[in-house]
Amino acid sequence: MKLPDLDRARSEKLLSFSDFMRSYNENLPLEFPRASLALLREFKKAHTALFKNDNLWSLDQHRKKVMDWLTSKRAE
């Protein structure tokens, strides 16, 4: 019998704004930029198409995009 994929379930779970920020920053390597509520609000404003579920975020859908956006923002 196949066990449930807990990592996948964690990645696909819909999160609030602050829960996403906490999960995003958790175990993030030091060289990666951290997310803040202000930066996530700015990201959401710039990427409205990613938010079909109102204010809900998921690591699966948003983490990589936020990471790339924060990295490019830091380079500016």
C-alpha atoms as a PDB file:
ATOM      1  CA  MET A   1       0.000   0.000   0.000  1.00  0.00           C
ATOM      2  CA  LYS A   2       1.334   3.408  -0.992  1.00  0.00           C
ATOM      3  CA  LEU A   3       1.748   5.923   1.817  1.00  0.00           C
ATOM      4  CA  PRO A   4       0.370   9.454   1.404  1.00  0.00           C
ATOM      5  CA  ASP A   5       2.835  11.990   0.009  1.00  0.00           C
ATOM      6  CA  LEU A   6       3.027  14.428   2.932  1.00  0.00           C
ATOM      7  CA  ASP A   7       5.414  16.800   1.158  1.00  0.00           C
ATOM      8  CA  ARG A   8       3.041  17.114  -1.790  1.00  0.00           C
ATOM      9  CA  ALA A   9       0.069  17.678   0.512  1.00  0.00           C
ATOM     10  CA  ARG A  10       2.048  20.418   2.320  1.00  0.00           C
ATOM     11  CA  SER A  11       2.977  22.061  -0.991  1.00  0.00           C
ATOM     12  CA  GLU A  12      -0.566  22.070  -2.338  1.00  0.00           C
ATOM     13  CA  LYS A  13      -2.246  23.239   0.872  1.00  0.00           C
ATOM     14  CA  LEU A  14      -3.912  26.636   0.518  1.00  0.00           C
ATOM     15  CA  LEU A  15      -2.421  29.141   2.947  1.00  0.00           C
ATOM     16  CA  SER A  16      -3.227  32.581   4.247  1.00  0.00           C
ATOM     17  CA  PHE A  17      -0.926  35.496   3.505  1.00  0.00           C
ATOM     18  CA  SER A  18       1.019  35.226   6.768  1.00  0.00           C
ATOM     19  CA  ASP A  19       1.113  31.400   6.745  1.00  0.00           C
ATOM     20  CA  PHE A  20       2.579  31.479   3.232  1.00  0.00           C
ATOM     21  CA  MET A  21       5.245  33.965   4.319  1.00  0.00           C
ATOM     22  CA  ARG A  22       6.191  31.799   7.294  1.00  0.00           C
ATOM     23  CA  SER A  23       6.322  28.631   5.153  1.00  0.00           C
ATOM     24  CA  TYR A  24       8.235  30.392   2.369  1.00  0.00           C
ATOM     25  CA  ASN A  25      10.918  31.682   4.740  1.00  0.00           C
ATOM     26  CA  GLU A  26      11.187  28.382   6.645  1.00  0.00           C
ATOM     27  CA  ASN A  27      14.442  26.544   5.876  1.00  0.00           C
ATOM     28  CA  LEU A  28      15.328  29.030   3.140  1.00  0.00           C
ATOM     29  CA  PRO A  29      19.082  29.188   2.484  1.00  0.00           C
ATOM     30  CA  LEU A  30      20.697  32.382   3.786  1.00  0.00           C
ATOM     31  CA  GLU A  31      21.637  33.621   0.319  1.00  0.00           C
ATOM     32  CA  PHE A  32      17.980  33.766  -0.790  1.00  0.00           C
ATOM     33  CA  PRO A  33      15.948  36.911  -0.120  1.00  0.00           C
ATOM     34  CA  ARG A  34      13.313  36.649   2.599  1.00  0.00           C
ATOM     35  CA  ALA A  35       9.674  37.486   2.011  1.00  0.00           C
ATOM     36  CA  SER A  36       7.888  40.108   4.073  1.00  0.00           C
ATOM     37  CA  LEU A  37       4.197  40.976   4.156  1.00  0.00           C
ATOM     38  CA  ALA A  38       4.903  44.237   2.291  1.00  0.00           C
ATOM     39  CA  LEU A  39       6.850  42.438  -0.452  1.00  0.00           C
ATOM     40  CA  LEU A  40       4.178  39.761  -0.797  1.00  0.00           C
ATOM     41  CA  ARG A  41       1.494  42.440  -1.146  1.00  0.00           C
ATOM     42  CA  GLU A  42       3.571  44.038  -3.910  1.00  0.00           C
ATOM     43  CA  PHE A  43       4.038  40.642  -5.598  1.00  0.00           C
ATOM     44  CA  LYS A  44       0.301  39.958  -5.464  1.00  0.00           C
ATOM     45  CA  LYS A  45      -0.454  43.354  -7.008  1.00  0.00           C
ATOM     46  CA  ALA A  46       2.015  42.683  -9.838  1.00  0.00           C
ATOM     47  CA  HIS A  47       0.758  39.116 -10.467  1.00  0.00           C
ATOM     48  CA  THR A  48      -3.015  39.253 -10.051  1.00  0.00           C
ATOM     49  CA  ALA A  49      -3.553  36.383 -12.515  1.00  0.00           C
ATOM     50  CA  LEU A  50      -1.941  33.971 -10.018  1.00  0.00           C
ATOM     51  CA  PHE A  51      -4.654  34.621  -7.434  1.00  0.00           C
ATOM     52  CA  LYS A  52      -7.844  33.036  -8.675  1.00  0.00           C
ATOM     53  CA  ASN A  53      -8.579  31.866  -5.093  1.00  0.00           C
ATOM     54  CA  ASP A  54      -8.757  35.400  -3.661  1.00  0.00           C
ATOM     55  CA  ASN A  55      -6.146  35.733  -0.891  1.00  0.00           C
ATOM     56  CA  LEU A  56      -5.006  32.116  -0.800  1.00  0.00           C
ATOM     57  CA  TRP A  57      -1.451  31.083  -1.559  1.00  0.00           C
ATOM     58  CA  SER A  58       0.244  27.697  -1.991  1.00  0.00           C
ATOM     59  CA  LEU A  59       3.898  26.751  -1.959  1.00  0.00           C
ATOM     60  CA  ASP A  60       3.309  24.656  -5.079  1.00  0.00           C
ATOM     61  CA  GLN A  61       1.928  27.515  -7.163  1.00  0.00           C
ATOM     62  CA  HIS A  62       3.607  30.601  -5.723  1.00  0.00           C
ATOM     63  CA  ARG A  63       6.931  29.800  -4.018  1.00  0.00           C
ATOM     64  CA  LYS A  64       9.178  29.570  -7.106  1.00  0.00           C
ATOM     65  CA  LYS A  65       7.563  32.643  -8.672  1.00  0.00           C
ATOM     66  CA  VAL A  66       8.007  34.676  -5.470  1.00  0.00           C
ATOM     67  CA  MET A  67      11.605  33.483  -5.177  1.00  0.00           C
ATOM     68  CA  ASP A  68      12.418  34.538  -8.759  1.00  0.00           C
ATOM     69  CA  TRP A  69      10.617  37.862  -8.331  1.00  0.00           C
ATOM     70  CA  LEU A  70      12.415  38.668  -5.058  1.00  0.00           C
ATOM     71  CA  THR A  71      15.776  37.761  -6.590  1.00  0.00           C
ATOM     72  CA  SER A  72      15.180  39.996  -9.620  1.00  0.00           C
ATOM     73  CA  LYS A  73      13.926  42.790  -7.360  1.00  0.00           C
ATOM     74  CA  ARG A  74      17.072  42.573  -5.240  1.00  0.00           C
ATOM     75  CA  ALA A  75      19.215  42.848  -8.395  1.00  0.00           C
ATOM     76  CA  GLU A  76      17.561  46.147  -9.387  1.00  0.00           C
END
